[in-house]
C-alpha atoms as a PDB file:
ATOM      1  CA  MET A   1     287.128-125.511 -32.158  1.00  0.00           C
ATOM      2  CA  PRO A   2     285.387-122.241 -33.151  1.00  0.00           C
ATOM      3  CA  ARG A   3     282.950-122.321 -36.044  1.00  0.00           C
ATOM      4  CA  ARG A   4     283.737-120.159 -39.030  1.00  0.00           C
ATOM      5  CA  ASN A   5     281.095-118.367 -40.985  1.00  0.00           C
ATOM      6  CA  VAL A   6     281.725-119.099 -44.642  1.00  0.00           C
ATOM      7  CA  GLN A   7     280.208-116.802 -47.236  1.00  0.00           C
ATOM      8  CA  LEU A   8     279.227-118.481 -50.455  1.00  0.00           C
ATOM      9  CA  PRO A   9     279.257-116.529 -53.684  1.00  0.00           C
ATOM     10  CA  PHE A  10     275.855-115.324 -54.895  1.00  0.00           C
ATOM     11  CA  ALA A  11     275.765-117.883 -57.738  1.00  0.00           C
ATOM     12  CA  ALA A  12     276.297-120.733 -55.281  1.00  0.00           C
ATOM     13  CA  ASN A  13     273.461-119.463 -53.071  1.00  0.00           C
ATOM     14  CA  VAL A  14     271.142-119.290 -56.085  1.00  0.00           C
ATOM     15  CA  ALA A  15     272.110-122.818 -57.130  1.00  0.00           C
ATOM     16  CA  ILE A  16     271.378-124.124 -53.627  1.00  0.00           C
ATOM     17  CA  LEU A  17     268.011-122.359 -53.557  1.00  0.00           C
ATOM     18  CA  ARG A  18     267.101-123.751 -56.976  1.00  0.00           C
ATOM     19  CA  HIS A  19     268.055-127.254 -55.840  1.00  0.00           C
ATOM     20  CA  MET A  20     265.941-126.859 -52.701  1.00  0.00           C
ATOM     21  CA  ALA A  21     262.986-125.604 -54.761  1.00  0.00           C
ATOM     22  CA  ASN A  22     263.242-128.595 -57.116  1.00  0.00           C
ATOM     23  CA  TYR A  23     263.494-130.925 -54.126  1.00  0.00           C
ATOM     24  CA  THR A  24     260.399-129.357 -52.548  1.00  0.00           C
ATOM     25  CA  GLN A  25     258.512-129.591 -55.856  1.00  0.00           C
ATOM     26  CA  ALA A  26     259.486-133.245 -56.176  1.00  0.00           C
ATOM     27  CA  LEU A  27     258.311-133.946 -52.629  1.00  0.00           C
ATOM     28  CA  GLY A  28     255.024-132.230 -53.358  1.00  0.00           C
ATOM     29  CA  ALA A  29     254.549-134.160 -56.585  1.00  0.00           C
ATOM     30  CA  VAL A  30     255.239-137.510 -54.936  1.00  0.00           C
ATOM     31  CA  ALA A  31     252.923-136.659 -52.030  1.00  0.00           C
ATOM     32  CA  SER A  32     250.218-135.631 -54.501  1.00  0.00           C
ATOM     33  CA  VAL A  33     250.489-138.952 -56.370  1.00  0.00           C
ATOM     34  CA  GLY A  34     250.509-140.830 -53.057  1.00  0.00           C
ATOM     35  CA  LEU A  35     247.304-139.092 -52.012  1.00  0.00           C
ATOM     36  CA  ALA A  36     245.718-139.770 -55.399  1.00  0.00           C
ATOM     37  CA  ILE A  37     246.343-143.517 -55.312  1.00  0.00           C
ATOM     38  CA  SER A  38     245.429-143.947 -51.634  1.00  0.00           C
ATOM     39  CA  ASP A  39     241.695-144.248 -52.316  1.00  0.00           C
ATOM     40  CA  PRO A  40     240.072-147.396 -53.789  1.00  0.00           C
ATOM     41  CA  GLY A  41     237.561-145.267 -55.729  1.00  0.00           C
ATOM     42  CA  ARG A  42     240.346-143.334 -57.430  1.00  0.00           C
ATOM     43  CA  LEU A  43     242.152-146.586 -58.234  1.00  0.00           C
ATOM     44  CA  ARG A  44     238.940-147.827 -59.852  1.00  0.00           C
ATOM     45  CA  VAL A  45     238.786-144.621 -61.910  1.00  0.00           C
ATOM     46  CA  LEU A  46     242.377-145.121 -63.078  1.00  0.00           C
ATOM     47  CA  THR A  47     241.704-148.702 -64.171  1.00  0.00           C
ATOM     48  CA  ALA A  48     238.437-147.697 -65.879  1.00  0.00           C
ATOM     49  CA  LEU A  49     240.243-145.056 -67.929  1.00  0.00           C
ATOM     50  CA  THR A  50     242.704-147.579 -69.350  1.00  0.00           C
ATOM     51  CA  GLY A  51     242.608-147.198 -73.123  1.00  0.00           C
ATOM     52  CA  ARG A  52     239.578-144.887 -73.188  1.00  0.00           C
ATOM     53  CA  SER A  53     238.106-141.535 -72.273  1.00  0.00           C
ATOM     54  CA  LEU A  54     235.050-141.326 -70.043  1.00  0.00           C
ATOM     55  CA  CYS A  55     232.781-138.523 -68.887  1.00  0.00           C
ATOM     56  CA  VAL A  56     231.735-137.972 -65.274  1.00  0.00           C
ATOM     57  CA  CYS A  57     228.292-139.503 -65.931  1.00  0.00           C
ATOM     58  CA  GLN A  58     229.857-142.746 -67.144  1.00  0.00           C
ATOM     59  CA  LEU A  59     232.204-142.889 -64.160  1.00  0.00           C
ATOM     60  CA  THR A  60     229.314-142.085 -61.806  1.00  0.00           C
ATOM     61  CA  ALA A  61     227.315-144.984 -63.262  1.00  0.00           C
ATOM     62  CA  LEU A  62     230.301-147.289 -62.916  1.00  0.00           C
ATOM     63  CA  LEU A  63     231.283-146.381 -59.368  1.00  0.00           C
ATOM     64  CA  GLY A  64     227.788-145.889 -57.994  1.00  0.00           C
ATOM     65  CA  LEU A  65     228.863-142.661 -56.315  1.00  0.00           C
ATOM     66  CA  ALA A  66     227.431-139.153 -56.351  1.00  0.00           C
ATOM     67  CA  PRO A  67     228.610-136.971 -59.263  1.00  0.00           C
ATOM     68  CA  SER A  68     230.212-134.545 -56.799  1.00  0.00           C
ATOM     69  CA  THR A  69     232.254-137.378 -55.271  1.00  0.00           C
ATOM     70  CA  VAL A  70     233.393-138.584 -58.688  1.00  0.00           C
ATOM     71  CA  SER A  71     234.305-135.008 -59.635  1.00  0.00           C
ATOM     72  CA  LYS A  72     236.372-134.676 -56.440  1.00  0.00           C
ATOM     73  CA  HIS A  73     238.166-137.947 -57.224  1.00  0.00           C
ATOM     74  CA  LEU A  74     238.923-136.670 -60.732  1.00  0.00           C
ATOM     75  CA  SER A  75     240.170-133.372 -59.320  1.00  0.00           C
ATOM     76  CA  VAL A  76     242.648-135.175 -57.044  1.00  0.00           C
ATOM     77  CA  LEU A  77     243.810-137.384 -59.924  1.00  0.00           C
ATOM     78  CA  LYS A  78     244.232-134.359 -62.215  1.00  0.00           C
ATOM     79  CA  GLN A  79     246.176-132.447 -59.561  1.00  0.00           C
ATOM     80  CA  ALA A  80     248.560-135.413 -59.295  1.00  0.00           C
ATOM     81  CA  GLY A  81     249.015-135.442 -63.076  1.00  0.00           C
ATOM     82  CA  LEU A  82     247.548-138.928 -63.481  1.00  0.00           C
ATOM     83  CA  VAL A  83     244.443-137.843 -65.415  1.00  0.00           C
ATOM     84  CA  ILE A  84     243.859-135.148 -68.001  1.00  0.00           C
ATOM     85  CA  GLU A  85     240.612-133.766 -69.310  1.00  0.00           C
ATOM     86  CA  LYS A  86     239.703-133.020 -72.887  1.00  0.00           C
ATOM     87  CA  LYS A  87     236.741-130.923 -73.927  1.00  0.00           C
ATOM     88  CA  ALA A  88     234.630-131.835 -76.930  1.00  0.00           C
ATOM     89  CA  GLY A  89     231.849-129.313 -77.313  1.00  0.00           C
ATOM     90  CA  ARG A  90     229.856-129.333 -74.107  1.00  0.00           C
ATOM     91  CA  TRP A  91     231.311-132.677 -73.083  1.00  0.00           C
ATOM     92  CA  VAL A  92     234.370-133.114 -70.880  1.00  0.00           C
ATOM     93  CA  PHE A  93     236.144-136.433 -71.166  1.00  0.00           C
ATOM     94  CA  HIS A  94     238.785-137.708 -68.785  1.00  0.00           C
ATOM     95  CA  THR A  95     241.667-139.908 -69.811  1.00  0.00           C
ATOM     96  CA  LEU A  96     244.945-141.168 -68.375  1.00  0.00           C
ATOM     97  CA  CYS A  97     247.986-138.954 -68.754  1.00  0.00           C
ATOM     98  CA  ASP A  98     249.938-139.245 -71.986  1.00  0.00           C
ATOM     99  CA  CYS A  99     252.484-142.005 -72.433  1.00  0.00           C
ATOM    100  CA  ASP A 100     255.391-139.627 -71.940  1.00  0.00           C
ATOM    101  CA  CYS A 101     254.241-138.097 -68.639  1.00  0.00           C
ATOM    102  CA  SER A 102     256.365-138.670 -65.538  1.00  0.00           C
ATOM    103  CA  CYS A 103     253.473-140.434 -63.767  1.00  0.00           C
ATOM    104  CA  ARG A 104     253.102-143.126 -66.398  1.00  0.00           C
ATOM    105  CA  PRO A 105     255.176-145.728 -64.469  1.00  0.00           C
ATOM    106  CA  VAL A 106     252.824-145.299 -61.502  1.00  0.00           C
ATOM    107  CA  ILE A 107     249.786-145.928 -63.705  1.00  0.00           C
ATOM    108  CA  ASP A 108     251.439-148.960 -65.300  1.00  0.00           C
ATOM    109  CA  TRP A 109     252.290-150.360 -61.852  1.00  0.00           C
ATOM    110  CA  ILE A 110     248.707-149.862 -60.609  1.00  0.00           C
ATOM    111  CA  GLN A 111     247.284-151.572 -63.680  1.00  0.00           C
ATOM    112  CA  GLU A 112     249.647-154.513 -63.257  1.00  0.00           C
ATOM    113  CA  GLN A 113     248.831-154.894 -59.560  1.00  0.00           C
ATOM    114  CA  LEU A 114     245.061-154.695 -60.035  1.00  0.00           C
ATOM    115  CA  LYS A 115     244.582-156.678 -63.246  1.00  0.00           C
ATOM    116  CA  ARG A 116     243.338-159.735 -61.304  1.00  0.00           C
ATOM    117  CA  ASP A 117     241.375-157.836 -58.658  1.00  0.00           C
ATOM    118  CA  GLY A 118     237.745-158.927 -58.332  1.00  0.00           C
ATOM    119  CA  GLN A 119     236.307-155.408 -58.122  1.00  0.00           C
ATOM    120  CA  VAL A 120     238.301-154.265 -61.138  1.00  0.00           C
ATOM    121  CA  ALA A 121     237.099-157.303 -63.109  1.00  0.00           C
ATOM    122  CA  ALA A 122     233.495-156.516 -62.153  1.00  0.00           C
ATOM    123  CA  ASP A 123     234.078-152.887 -63.176  1.00  0.00           C
ATOM    124  CA  ARG A 124     235.308-154.029 -66.596  1.00  0.00           C
ATOM    125  CA  LEU A 125     232.117-155.997 -67.186  1.00  0.00           C
ATOM    126  CA  ARG A 126     229.910-153.172 -65.911  1.00  0.00           C
ATOM    127  CA  LEU A 127     231.771-150.653 -68.058  1.00  0.00           C
ATOM    128  CA  LYS A 128     231.053-152.701 -71.191  1.00  0.00           C
ATOM    129  CA  GLU A 129     227.350-152.305 -70.438  1.00  0.00           C
ATOM    130  CA  ILE A 130     227.692-148.590 -69.642  1.00  0.00           C
ATOM    131  CA  LEU A 131     229.503-147.921 -72.913  1.00  0.00           C
ATOM    132  CA  LYS A 132     226.546-149.400 -74.823  1.00  0.00           C
ATOM    133  CA  LEU A 133     224.297-146.667 -73.387  1.00  0.00           C
ATOM    134  CA  ASP A 134     223.803-143.297 -75.056  1.00  0.00           C
ATOM    135  CA  PRO A 135     225.816-140.751 -73.014  1.00  0.00           C
ATOM    136  CA  GLU A 136     223.044-138.173 -73.452  1.00  0.00           C
ATOM    137  CA  GLU A 137     220.556-140.516 -71.771  1.00  0.00           C
ATOM    138  CA  LEU A 138     223.026-141.540 -69.087  1.00  0.00           C
ATOM    139  CA  CYS A 139     223.790-137.953 -68.131  1.00  0.00           C
ATOM    140  CA  ARG A 140     220.095-137.070 -67.826  1.00  0.00           C
ATOM    141  CA  LYS A 141     219.592-139.570 -65.021  1.00  0.00           C
END
C-alpha cells in the first residue's frame, strides 16, 4: 500500500513542536536531577541544608573537601533546581529549594531514605559543632 504524505496545518505543527520542546526540557530536567543526586557528597550537602542555610566554608568544614569541590557540588545542585543561593552582604548562603518547587518531592524522598544513614548522622553531629563557630573565623582557615 503506498504511503501518503499528509500535510498538517501550521497550528498543528507548532503544537507538535511545542510538545516536543516541553518533552526535551522535561528530559533535561530529570537528567539534571539524576546527575545531582548521583554523588554521595552532593547527597550529604542536601541533608546538611535541611532546615537551614549554610555558606561554602561551613559545608567545606563539614564535608572535609576542598572549597572548589564544594562549590562544584553546589553548582550541580543549583543547576538541577535543588539548591538556591541567597546573598546577604558579602556572604552567600545556600539553602534547599522552596517548598513549592517541582524538585521538592525528590528532596523529601532523599531525606526519608537517608535519615538513618550513619554518615548523615555523623554529619548532623559535626554540623552542630560547626554552627557554634564564628563564620568569619571559619572562612579564614
